[in-house]
Each structure stands twice: as C-alpha cells, then as structure tokens.
Amino acid sequence: MREHYFLTMLQSLSCDSIDKYTQTMICLETTV
C-alpha cells in the first residue's frame, strides 16, 4: 500500500526500538 511511508517510518525508528524478530518479519514483509 504505502511502502515508501512505511520504510521511512522504519528508518526513523532505531534498531534497538524493535525486537530482532519483529524487525526481521517487517523486512520480509516489505521485501516480498
């Protein structure tokens, strides 16, 4: 839907803010 906005939101978040598992799942969701 709005991948660009979603990616920007992810970039604004620090890696420590989200769990490794959640971050990985999000990356997979965006990539696929």
PDB file of N, CA and C in Angstrom:
ATOM      1  N   MET A   1       0.842  -1.190   0.000  1.00  0.00           N
ATOM      2  CA  MET A   1       0.000   0.000   0.000  1.00  0.00           C
ATOM      3  C   MET A   1       0.888   1.254   0.000  1.00  0.00           C
ATOM      4  N   ARG A   2       1.336   1.634   1.187  1.00  0.00           N
ATOM      5  CA  ARG A   2       2.249   2.774   1.246  1.00  0.00           C
ATOM      6  C   ARG A   2       3.599   2.291   1.748  1.00  0.00           C
ATOM      7  N   GLU A   3       4.321   1.652   0.870  1.00  0.00           N
ATOM      8  CA  GLU A   3       5.612   1.076   1.271  1.00  0.00           C
ATOM      9  C   GLU A   3       6.625   2.170   1.580  1.00  0.00           C
ATOM     10  N   HIS A   4       6.602   3.214   0.777  1.00  0.00           N
ATOM     11  CA  HIS A   4       7.571   4.284   0.972  1.00  0.00           C
ATOM     12  C   HIS A   4       7.415   4.913   2.354  1.00  0.00           C
ATOM     13  N   TYR A   5       6.168   5.194   2.716  1.00  0.00           N
ATOM     14  CA  TYR A   5       5.890   5.780   4.026  1.00  0.00           C
ATOM     15  C   TYR A   5       6.287   4.814   5.128  1.00  0.00           C
ATOM     16  N   PHE A   6       6.001   3.526   4.883  1.00  0.00           N
ATOM     17  CA  PHE A   6       6.321   2.500   5.865  1.00  0.00           C
ATOM     18  C   PHE A   6       7.828   2.382   6.052  1.00  0.00           C
ATOM     19  N   LEU A   7       8.558   2.429   4.945  1.00  0.00           N
ATOM     20  CA  LEU A   7      10.009   2.332   5.014  1.00  0.00           C
ATOM     21  C   LEU A   7      10.588   3.545   5.728  1.00  0.00           C
ATOM     22  N   THR A   8      10.035   4.701   5.448  1.00  0.00           N
ATOM     23  CA  THR A   8      10.514   5.918   6.100  1.00  0.00           C
ATOM     24  C   THR A   8      10.291   5.853   7.600  1.00  0.00           C
ATOM     25  N   MET A   9       9.142   5.313   7.967  1.00  0.00           N
ATOM     26  CA  MET A   9       8.828   5.169   9.386  1.00  0.00           C
ATOM     27  C   MET A   9       9.805   4.202  10.042  1.00  0.00           C
ATOM     28  N   LEU A  10      10.149   3.133   9.320  1.00  0.00           N
ATOM     29  CA  LEU A  10      11.087   2.153   9.853  1.00  0.00           C
ATOM     30  C   LEU A  10      12.457   2.778  10.039  1.00  0.00           C
ATOM     31  N   GLN A  11      12.866   3.584   9.075  1.00  0.00           N
ATOM     32  CA  GLN A  11      14.178   4.213   9.141  1.00  0.00           C
ATOM     33  C   GLN A  11      14.258   5.187  10.309  1.00  0.00           C
ATOM     34  N   SER A  12      13.139   5.837  10.608  1.00  0.00           N
ATOM     35  CA  SER A  12      13.119   6.792  11.713  1.00  0.00           C
ATOM     36  C   SER A  12      13.266   6.070  13.051  1.00  0.00           C
ATOM     37  N   LEU A  13      12.813   4.818  13.076  1.00  0.00           N
ATOM     38  CA  LEU A  13      12.953   4.027  14.300  1.00  0.00           C
ATOM     39  C   LEU A  13      14.370   3.499  14.428  1.00  0.00           C
ATOM     40  N   SER A  14      14.861   3.459  15.636  1.00  0.00           N
ATOM     41  CA  SER A  14      16.182   2.892  15.853  1.00  0.00           C
ATOM     42  C   SER A  14      16.077   1.377  15.923  1.00  0.00           C
ATOM     43  N   CYS A  15      17.148   0.706  15.572  1.00  0.00           N
ATOM     44  CA  CYS A  15      17.138  -0.760  15.541  1.00  0.00           C
ATOM     45  C   CYS A  15      16.837  -1.334  16.923  1.00  0.00           C
ATOM     46  N   ASP A  16      17.217  -0.590  17.948  1.00  0.00           N
ATOM     47  CA  ASP A  16      17.005  -1.090  19.304  1.00  0.00           C
ATOM     48  C   ASP A  16      15.554  -0.929  19.749  1.00  0.00           C
ATOM     49  N   SER A  17      14.813  -0.144  18.996  1.00  0.00           N
ATOM     50  CA  SER A  17      13.426   0.109  19.391  1.00  0.00           C
ATOM     51  C   SER A  17      12.558  -1.111  19.162  1.00  0.00           C
ATOM     52  N   ILE A  18      12.886  -1.854  18.118  1.00  0.00           N
ATOM     53  CA  ILE A  18      12.081  -3.034  17.819  1.00  0.00           C
ATOM     54  C   ILE A  18      12.868  -4.310  18.075  1.00  0.00           C
ATOM     55  N   ASP A  19      12.146  -5.366  18.329  1.00  0.00           N
ATOM     56  CA  ASP A  19      12.795  -6.648  18.559  1.00  0.00           C
ATOM     57  C   ASP A  19      13.406  -7.153  17.264  1.00  0.00           C
ATOM     58  N   LYS A  20      14.438  -7.967  17.392  1.00  0.00           N
ATOM     59  CA  LYS A  20      15.100  -8.527  16.218  1.00  0.00           C
ATOM     60  C   LYS A  20      14.108  -9.326  15.389  1.00  0.00           C
ATOM     61  N   TYR A  21      13.281 -10.093  16.045  1.00  0.00           N
ATOM     62  CA  TYR A  21      12.302 -10.927  15.348  1.00  0.00           C
ATOM     63  C   TYR A  21      11.306 -10.060  14.590  1.00  0.00           C
ATOM     64  N   THR A  22      10.792  -9.047  15.272  1.00  0.00           N
ATOM     65  CA  THR A  22       9.823  -8.147  14.645  1.00  0.00           C
ATOM     66  C   THR A  22      10.447  -7.429  13.461  1.00  0.00           C
ATOM     67  N   GLN A  23      11.669  -6.955  13.633  1.00  0.00           N
ATOM     68  CA  GLN A  23      12.352  -6.238  12.565  1.00  0.00           C
ATOM     69  C   GLN A  23      12.562  -7.141  11.359  1.00  0.00           C
ATOM     70  N   THR A  24      12.928  -8.393  11.627  1.00  0.00           N
ATOM     71  CA  THR A  24      13.144  -9.349  10.548  1.00  0.00           C
ATOM     72  C   THR A  24      11.850  -9.618   9.803  1.00  0.00           C
ATOM     73  N   MET A  25      10.773  -9.816  10.540  1.00  0.00           N
ATOM     74  CA  MET A  25       9.475 -10.072   9.918  1.00  0.00           C
ATOM     75  C   MET A  25       9.036  -8.883   9.076  1.00  0.00           C
ATOM     76  N   ILE A  26       9.259  -7.684   9.580  1.00  0.00           N
ATOM     77  CA  ILE A  26       8.895  -6.468   8.852  1.00  0.00           C
ATOM     78  C   ILE A  26       9.707  -6.377   7.564  1.00  0.00           C
ATOM     79  N   CYS A  27      10.997  -6.687   7.661  1.00  0.00           N
ATOM     80  CA  CYS A  27      11.854  -6.641   6.473  1.00  0.00           C
ATOM     81  C   CYS A  27      11.371  -7.648   5.445  1.00  0.00           C
ATOM     82  N   LEU A  28      10.977  -8.818   5.900  1.00  0.00           N
ATOM     83  CA  LEU A  28      10.478  -9.847   4.993  1.00  0.00           C
ATOM     84  C   LEU A  28       9.179  -9.397   4.347  1.00  0.00           C
ATOM     85  N   GLU A  29       8.320  -8.775   5.133  1.00  0.00           N
ATOM     86  CA  GLU A  29       7.033  -8.306   4.613  1.00  0.00           C
ATOM     87  C   GLU A  29       7.237  -7.237   3.542  1.00  0.00           C
ATOM     88  N   THR A  30       8.218  -6.375   3.776  1.00  0.00           N
ATOM     89  CA  THR A  30       8.453  -5.293   2.826  1.00  0.00           C
ATOM     90  C   THR A  30       9.149  -5.799   1.576  1.00  0.00           C
ATOM     91  N   THR A  31      10.045  -6.760   1.757  1.00  0.00           N
ATOM     92  CA  THR A  31      10.796  -7.274   0.616  1.00  0.00           C
ATOM     93  C   THR A  31       9.894  -8.058  -0.319  1.00  0.00           C
ATOM     94  N   VAL A  32       9.051  -8.901   0.250  1.00  0.00           N
ATOM     95  CA  VAL A  32       8.192  -9.747  -0.574  1.00  0.00           C
ATOM     96  C   VAL A  32       7.022  -8.929  -1.127  1.00  0.00           C
TER      97      VAL A  32
END
